[in-house]
Amino acid sequence: MNIKSRNKVTAQFSMSSMTDIVFLLLIFFMITSTLVHPNALKLLLPKSDGQVSTEKPIISISIDDQGNNTYSYAVGNDRVPFENVEQLLKERIGTEETPTVALHVDKSVPMEEVVKVMNIAKENKYRLILATEAN
């Protein structure tokens, strides 16, 4: 007598639940990655409606557009080439612990030129204020 059992367990794997989990993880990481904002430059940006007062002296750097992709840099009232900006800043600041530098930039100056000065301030650990016009 040959009795066959019909209760055989078959080993099957359903891929539909696995793909659901993969797509949910993909959506989760896409959403969370857009919410992350890297802070490359830490700046103290004053509001244009109010005034920022500091007790310590502020050294100002001005960048002006001279046309033909040339820019004029001034530390205080002294016009200097970009190569000498960092050296002159160090001379003016001296041994002050947390110096404050105010950056005055013409509207027509591209952001690349502004970032160059911001990098100097960041490397030397100067406090940087971006000057704006009042409304």
N, C-alpha and C. Protein backbone atom coordinates (compact mmCIF):
# COMPACT_ATOMS: atom_id res chain seq x y z
N MET A 1 0.82 -1.17 0.00
CA MET A 1 0.00 0.00 0.00
C MET A 1 0.87 1.24 0.00
N ASN A 2 0.60 2.03 -0.92
CA ASN A 2 1.35 3.28 -1.09
C ASN A 2 0.48 4.46 -0.70
N ILE A 3 0.76 5.06 0.45
CA ILE A 3 -0.03 6.22 0.91
C ILE A 3 0.84 7.46 0.72
N LYS A 4 0.29 8.37 -0.02
CA LYS A 4 1.00 9.64 -0.26
C LYS A 4 0.39 10.73 0.61
N SER A 5 1.26 11.47 1.24
CA SER A 5 0.74 12.56 2.05
C SER A 5 0.64 13.83 1.21
N ARG A 6 -0.40 14.53 1.39
CA ARG A 6 -0.62 15.76 0.62
C ARG A 6 -0.21 16.99 1.40
N ASN A 7 0.31 16.85 2.56
CA ASN A 7 0.69 17.99 3.40
C ASN A 7 2.17 18.31 3.26
N LYS A 8 2.65 18.40 2.07
CA LYS A 8 4.05 18.75 1.87
C LYS A 8 4.23 20.26 2.01
N VAL A 9 5.28 20.62 2.70
CA VAL A 9 5.59 22.03 2.88
C VAL A 9 6.54 22.44 1.76
N THR A 10 6.15 23.44 1.03
CA THR A 10 7.02 23.92 -0.06
C THR A 10 7.74 25.17 0.41
N ALA A 11 9.00 25.23 0.09
CA ALA A 11 9.81 26.38 0.49
C ALA A 11 9.70 27.45 -0.59
N GLN A 12 8.92 28.47 -0.33
CA GLN A 12 8.77 29.58 -1.27
C GLN A 12 9.05 30.87 -0.54
N PHE A 13 9.57 31.81 -1.30
CA PHE A 13 9.91 33.11 -0.72
C PHE A 13 9.20 34.18 -1.53
N SER A 14 8.43 34.99 -0.86
CA SER A 14 7.68 36.03 -1.54
C SER A 14 8.53 37.30 -1.62
N MET A 15 8.82 37.72 -2.82
CA MET A 15 9.65 38.91 -3.03
C MET A 15 8.85 40.21 -2.91
N SER A 16 7.55 40.14 -2.94
CA SER A 16 6.75 41.36 -2.91
C SER A 16 6.93 42.12 -1.59
N SER A 17 6.99 41.42 -0.49
CA SER A 17 7.19 42.11 0.78
C SER A 17 8.60 42.70 0.88
N MET A 18 9.58 42.02 0.30
CA MET A 18 10.96 42.53 0.30
C MET A 18 11.06 43.81 -0.53
N THR A 19 10.42 43.86 -1.68
CA THR A 19 10.47 45.06 -2.51
C THR A 19 9.75 46.22 -1.83
N ASP A 20 8.67 45.94 -1.11
CA ASP A 20 7.97 46.99 -0.36
C ASP A 20 8.90 47.63 0.67
N ILE A 21 9.63 46.81 1.39
CA ILE A 21 10.55 47.32 2.41
C ILE A 21 11.67 48.13 1.77
N VAL A 22 12.20 47.65 0.65
CA VAL A 22 13.28 48.37 -0.04
C VAL A 22 12.79 49.74 -0.51
N PHE A 23 11.60 49.80 -1.08
CA PHE A 23 11.08 51.08 -1.55
C PHE A 23 10.77 52.03 -0.39
N LEU A 24 10.29 51.51 0.71
CA LEU A 24 10.06 52.37 1.88
C LEU A 24 11.36 52.93 2.42
N LEU A 25 12.40 52.11 2.47
CA LEU A 25 13.71 52.61 2.91
C LEU A 25 14.26 53.64 1.94
N LEU A 26 14.09 53.41 0.65
CA LEU A 26 14.55 54.36 -0.36
C LEU A 26 13.85 55.71 -0.19
N ILE A 27 12.55 55.69 -0.02
CA ILE A 27 11.80 56.94 0.17
C ILE A 27 12.22 57.64 1.46
N PHE A 28 12.42 56.88 2.53
CA PHE A 28 12.85 57.46 3.79
C PHE A 28 14.19 58.18 3.64
N PHE A 29 15.17 57.54 3.02
CA PHE A 29 16.48 58.17 2.87
C PHE A 29 16.46 59.34 1.90
N MET A 30 15.60 59.29 0.89
CA MET A 30 15.50 60.44 -0.02
C MET A 30 14.93 61.65 0.70
N ILE A 31 13.94 61.45 1.55
CA ILE A 31 13.33 62.57 2.27
C ILE A 31 14.28 63.13 3.32
N THR A 32 14.93 62.26 4.08
CA THR A 32 15.82 62.76 5.13
C THR A 32 17.08 63.39 4.57
N SER A 33 17.53 62.96 3.40
CA SER A 33 18.74 63.58 2.84
C SER A 33 18.47 64.99 2.35
N THR A 34 17.25 65.31 1.95
CA THR A 34 16.95 66.68 1.52
C THR A 34 16.77 67.61 2.70
N LEU A 35 16.55 67.08 3.90
CA LEU A 35 16.38 67.92 5.07
C LEU A 35 17.71 68.32 5.71
N VAL A 36 18.79 67.68 5.33
CA VAL A 36 20.09 67.96 5.92
C VAL A 36 20.73 69.12 5.17
N HIS A 37 21.10 70.18 5.90
CA HIS A 37 21.76 71.34 5.30
C HIS A 37 23.17 71.44 5.86
N PRO A 38 24.18 71.21 5.03
CA PRO A 38 25.55 71.34 5.56
C PRO A 38 25.90 72.81 5.79
N ASN A 39 26.56 73.09 6.90
CA ASN A 39 26.99 74.45 7.23
C ASN A 39 28.47 74.57 6.91
N ALA A 40 28.76 75.03 5.69
CA ALA A 40 30.16 75.16 5.30
C ALA A 40 30.79 76.38 5.94
N LEU A 41 30.03 77.48 5.98
CA LEU A 41 30.55 78.71 6.57
C LEU A 41 29.62 79.16 7.67
N LYS A 42 30.16 79.34 8.84
CA LYS A 42 29.36 79.84 9.96
C LYS A 42 29.53 81.36 10.00
N LEU A 43 28.41 82.06 9.79
CA LEU A 43 28.46 83.52 9.72
C LEU A 43 27.49 84.13 10.72
N LEU A 44 27.84 85.32 11.16
CA LEU A 44 26.93 86.12 11.96
C LEU A 44 26.36 87.18 11.02
N LEU A 45 25.14 86.97 10.57
CA LEU A 45 24.53 87.89 9.62
C LEU A 45 23.55 88.79 10.35
N PRO A 46 23.83 90.09 10.40
CA PRO A 46 22.92 91.00 11.09
C PRO A 46 21.64 91.23 10.28
N LYS A 47 20.56 91.49 10.97
CA LYS A 47 19.31 91.80 10.29
C LYS A 47 19.41 93.19 9.71
N SER A 48 18.80 93.36 8.57
CA SER A 48 18.87 94.67 7.94
C SER A 48 17.93 95.68 8.60
N ASP A 49 16.97 95.20 9.39
CA ASP A 49 16.04 96.12 10.06
C ASP A 49 16.63 96.71 11.33
N GLY A 50 17.48 95.97 12.00
CA GLY A 50 18.04 96.43 13.27
C GLY A 50 19.50 96.77 13.15
N GLN A 51 20.09 97.10 14.28
CA GLN A 51 21.50 97.44 14.32
C GLN A 51 22.22 96.44 15.21
N VAL A 52 23.47 96.17 14.86
CA VAL A 52 24.30 95.29 15.67
C VAL A 52 25.37 96.15 16.30
N SER A 53 25.42 96.12 17.61
CA SER A 53 26.44 96.91 18.29
C SER A 53 27.44 95.97 18.94
N THR A 54 28.70 96.30 18.80
CA THR A 54 29.75 95.51 19.43
C THR A 54 30.61 96.45 20.25
N GLU A 55 31.08 95.95 21.37
CA GLU A 55 31.94 96.77 22.22
C GLU A 55 33.36 96.81 21.68
N LYS A 56 33.74 95.76 20.98
CA LYS A 56 35.10 95.68 20.44
C LYS A 56 35.17 96.41 19.11
N PRO A 57 36.34 96.89 18.74
CA PRO A 57 36.47 97.57 17.45
C PRO A 57 36.28 96.59 16.29
N ILE A 58 35.69 97.08 15.24
CA ILE A 58 35.43 96.27 14.05
C ILE A 58 36.36 96.73 12.94
N ILE A 59 37.00 95.78 12.30
CA ILE A 59 37.83 96.08 11.14
C ILE A 59 36.99 95.79 9.91
N SER A 60 36.91 96.74 8.99
CA SER A 60 36.06 96.55 7.83
C SER A 60 36.89 96.19 6.60
N ILE A 61 36.32 95.29 5.80
CA ILE A 61 36.89 94.93 4.51
C ILE A 61 35.84 95.27 3.47
N SER A 62 36.25 96.00 2.44
CA SER A 62 35.33 96.37 1.38
C SER A 62 35.78 95.74 0.07
N ILE A 63 34.80 95.24 -0.69
CA ILE A 63 35.08 94.70 -2.02
C ILE A 63 34.23 95.48 -3.00
N ASP A 64 34.87 96.06 -4.00
CA ASP A 64 34.19 96.90 -4.97
C ASP A 64 34.47 96.37 -6.37
N ASP A 65 33.48 96.44 -7.24
CA ASP A 65 33.63 95.98 -8.62
C ASP A 65 34.22 97.11 -9.46
N GLN A 66 35.37 96.85 -10.08
CA GLN A 66 36.02 97.85 -10.92
C GLN A 66 35.70 97.65 -12.40
N GLY A 67 34.95 96.63 -12.75
CA GLY A 67 34.64 96.32 -14.13
C GLY A 67 35.69 95.39 -14.73
N ASN A 68 35.36 94.76 -15.83
CA ASN A 68 36.27 93.83 -16.53
C ASN A 68 36.77 92.72 -15.61
N ASN A 69 35.93 92.22 -14.75
CA ASN A 69 36.28 91.14 -13.81
C ASN A 69 37.45 91.48 -12.91
N THR A 70 37.59 92.74 -12.54
CA THR A 70 38.61 93.15 -11.56
C THR A 70 37.89 93.72 -10.35
N TYR A 71 38.45 93.44 -9.19
CA TYR A 71 37.81 93.85 -7.94
C TYR A 71 38.82 94.55 -7.07
N SER A 72 38.34 95.57 -6.36
CA SER A 72 39.18 96.36 -5.48
C SER A 72 38.88 95.96 -4.04
N TYR A 73 39.95 95.65 -3.29
CA TYR A 73 39.82 95.27 -1.88
C TYR A 73 40.37 96.40 -1.03
N ALA A 74 39.68 96.69 0.08
CA ALA A 74 40.15 97.71 1.01
C ALA A 74 39.99 97.20 2.43
N VAL A 75 41.07 97.29 3.21
CA VAL A 75 41.02 96.96 4.63
C VAL A 75 41.04 98.29 5.36
N GLY A 76 39.92 98.63 6.00
CA GLY A 76 39.78 99.97 6.55
C GLY A 76 39.66 100.95 5.38
N ASN A 77 40.55 101.93 5.33
CA ASN A 77 40.57 102.88 4.21
C ASN A 77 41.73 102.62 3.26
N ASP A 78 42.50 101.57 3.50
CA ASP A 78 43.67 101.27 2.67
C ASP A 78 43.33 100.26 1.59
N ARG A 79 43.47 100.68 0.33
CA ARG A 79 43.24 99.75 -0.78
C ARG A 79 44.46 98.86 -0.94
N VAL A 80 44.21 97.55 -1.01
CA VAL A 80 45.30 96.58 -1.14
C VAL A 80 44.89 95.51 -2.14
N PRO A 81 45.87 94.84 -2.78
CA PRO A 81 45.52 93.68 -3.61
C PRO A 81 45.06 92.52 -2.73
N PHE A 82 44.35 91.58 -3.32
CA PHE A 82 43.80 90.47 -2.54
C PHE A 82 44.89 89.68 -1.81
N GLU A 83 46.05 89.55 -2.42
CA GLU A 83 47.14 88.77 -1.81
C GLU A 83 47.59 89.36 -0.47
N ASN A 84 47.40 90.67 -0.26
CA ASN A 84 47.85 91.32 0.97
C ASN A 84 46.74 91.51 2.01
N VAL A 85 45.53 91.08 1.70
CA VAL A 85 44.40 91.29 2.62
C VAL A 85 44.64 90.55 3.94
N GLU A 86 45.03 89.29 3.88
CA GLU A 86 45.22 88.50 5.10
C GLU A 86 46.35 89.06 5.96
N GLN A 87 47.44 89.46 5.32
CA GLN A 87 48.58 90.01 6.07
C GLN A 87 48.20 91.31 6.76
N LEU A 88 47.50 92.20 6.05
CA LEU A 88 47.10 93.48 6.63
C LEU A 88 46.08 93.28 7.77
N LEU A 89 45.19 92.30 7.61
CA LEU A 89 44.24 91.99 8.68
C LEU A 89 44.97 91.55 9.95
N LYS A 90 45.95 90.67 9.79
CA LYS A 90 46.71 90.19 10.95
C LYS A 90 47.45 91.33 11.64
N GLU A 91 47.98 92.29 10.86
CA GLU A 91 48.67 93.44 11.45
C GLU A 91 47.70 94.32 12.22
N ARG A 92 46.51 94.55 11.64
CA ARG A 92 45.52 95.42 12.28
C ARG A 92 44.93 94.79 13.54
N ILE A 93 44.73 93.49 13.51
CA ILE A 93 44.08 92.81 14.63
C ILE A 93 45.05 92.61 15.78
N GLY A 94 46.28 92.27 15.48
CA GLY A 94 47.27 92.08 16.53
C GLY A 94 46.98 90.87 17.39
N THR A 95 46.89 91.09 18.71
CA THR A 95 46.70 89.97 19.64
C THR A 95 45.29 89.89 20.20
N GLU A 96 44.34 90.52 19.56
CA GLU A 96 42.96 90.48 20.03
C GLU A 96 42.42 89.05 19.99
N GLU A 97 41.69 88.65 21.02
CA GLU A 97 41.24 87.25 21.14
C GLU A 97 40.17 86.88 20.13
N THR A 98 39.09 87.63 20.09
CA THR A 98 38.01 87.34 19.14
C THR A 98 37.74 88.58 18.30
N PRO A 99 38.54 88.79 17.27
CA PRO A 99 38.35 89.97 16.44
C PRO A 99 37.10 89.86 15.57
N THR A 100 36.51 91.01 15.30
CA THR A 100 35.32 91.08 14.46
C THR A 100 35.66 91.79 13.17
N VAL A 101 35.29 91.17 12.06
CA VAL A 101 35.55 91.74 10.73
C VAL A 101 34.20 91.97 10.06
N ALA A 102 33.98 93.20 9.59
CA ALA A 102 32.75 93.54 8.87
C ALA A 102 33.06 93.52 7.38
N LEU A 103 32.25 92.81 6.63
CA LEU A 103 32.46 92.66 5.20
C LEU A 103 31.43 93.49 4.44
N HIS A 104 31.92 94.52 3.74
CA HIS A 104 31.07 95.40 2.92
C HIS A 104 31.31 95.04 1.46
N VAL A 105 30.27 94.55 0.80
CA VAL A 105 30.42 94.06 -0.57
C VAL A 105 29.42 94.75 -1.47
N ASP A 106 29.90 95.17 -2.65
CA ASP A 106 29.03 95.75 -3.66
C ASP A 106 28.11 94.66 -4.22
N LYS A 107 26.90 95.03 -4.62
CA LYS A 107 25.93 94.05 -5.12
C LYS A 107 26.41 93.33 -6.37
N SER A 108 27.23 93.99 -7.18
CA SER A 108 27.66 93.39 -8.44
C SER A 108 28.85 92.44 -8.30
N VAL A 109 29.42 92.34 -7.11
CA VAL A 109 30.56 91.45 -6.90
C VAL A 109 30.05 90.01 -6.80
N PRO A 110 30.64 89.08 -7.57
CA PRO A 110 30.18 87.69 -7.51
C PRO A 110 30.52 87.03 -6.17
N MET A 111 29.78 86.00 -5.85
CA MET A 111 29.93 85.32 -4.57
C MET A 111 31.31 84.69 -4.40
N GLU A 112 31.98 84.33 -5.48
CA GLU A 112 33.32 83.72 -5.39
C GLU A 112 34.29 84.65 -4.67
N GLU A 113 34.22 85.93 -4.97
CA GLU A 113 35.12 86.89 -4.34
C GLU A 113 34.80 87.06 -2.85
N VAL A 114 33.53 87.00 -2.52
CA VAL A 114 33.12 87.12 -1.12
C VAL A 114 33.59 85.90 -0.33
N VAL A 115 33.48 84.72 -0.92
CA VAL A 115 33.87 83.48 -0.25
C VAL A 115 35.37 83.45 0.01
N LYS A 116 36.15 84.06 -0.87
CA LYS A 116 37.61 84.13 -0.64
C LYS A 116 37.91 84.84 0.69
N VAL A 117 37.24 85.96 0.93
CA VAL A 117 37.46 86.71 2.17
C VAL A 117 36.87 85.94 3.36
N MET A 118 35.73 85.29 3.15
CA MET A 118 35.14 84.48 4.23
C MET A 118 36.07 83.35 4.64
N ASN A 119 36.75 82.76 3.67
CA ASN A 119 37.70 81.69 3.98
C ASN A 119 38.87 82.21 4.81
N ILE A 120 39.34 83.41 4.50
CA ILE A 120 40.42 84.02 5.30
C ILE A 120 39.95 84.19 6.75
N ALA A 121 38.73 84.69 6.92
CA ALA A 121 38.19 84.89 8.27
C ALA A 121 38.01 83.56 9.00
N LYS A 122 37.57 82.54 8.28
CA LYS A 122 37.36 81.24 8.90
C LYS A 122 38.69 80.60 9.31
N GLU A 123 39.70 80.69 8.46
CA GLU A 123 41.00 80.09 8.76
C GLU A 123 41.65 80.75 9.98
N ASN A 124 41.47 82.06 10.13
CA ASN A 124 42.08 82.78 11.24
C ASN A 124 41.15 82.91 12.45
N LYS A 125 39.97 82.30 12.38
CA LYS A 125 38.99 82.30 13.47
C LYS A 125 38.54 83.71 13.85
N TYR A 126 38.30 84.54 12.81
CA TYR A 126 37.74 85.87 13.04
C TYR A 126 36.22 85.76 13.02
N ARG A 127 35.59 86.62 13.79
CA ARG A 127 34.14 86.74 13.74
C ARG A 127 33.79 87.58 12.53
N LEU A 128 32.86 87.14 11.71
CA LEU A 128 32.56 87.82 10.45
C LEU A 128 31.13 88.33 10.46
N ILE A 129 30.98 89.61 10.10
CA ILE A 129 29.66 90.22 9.96
C ILE A 129 29.52 90.69 8.53
N LEU A 130 28.44 90.29 7.89
CA LEU A 130 28.15 90.72 6.53
C LEU A 130 27.28 91.97 6.62
N ALA A 131 27.83 93.10 6.22
CA ALA A 131 27.11 94.38 6.33
C ALA A 131 26.02 94.46 5.26
N THR A 132 24.85 94.97 5.66
CA THR A 132 23.74 95.14 4.74
C THR A 132 23.20 96.56 4.86
N GLU A 133 22.38 96.92 3.90
CA GLU A 133 21.73 98.23 3.96
C GLU A 133 20.45 98.12 4.77
N ALA A 134 20.12 99.17 5.48
CA ALA A 134 18.86 99.19 6.22
C ALA A 134 17.71 99.42 5.26
N ASN A 135 16.56 98.86 5.58
CA ASN A 135 15.38 99.04 4.71
C ASN A 135 14.86 100.43 4.78
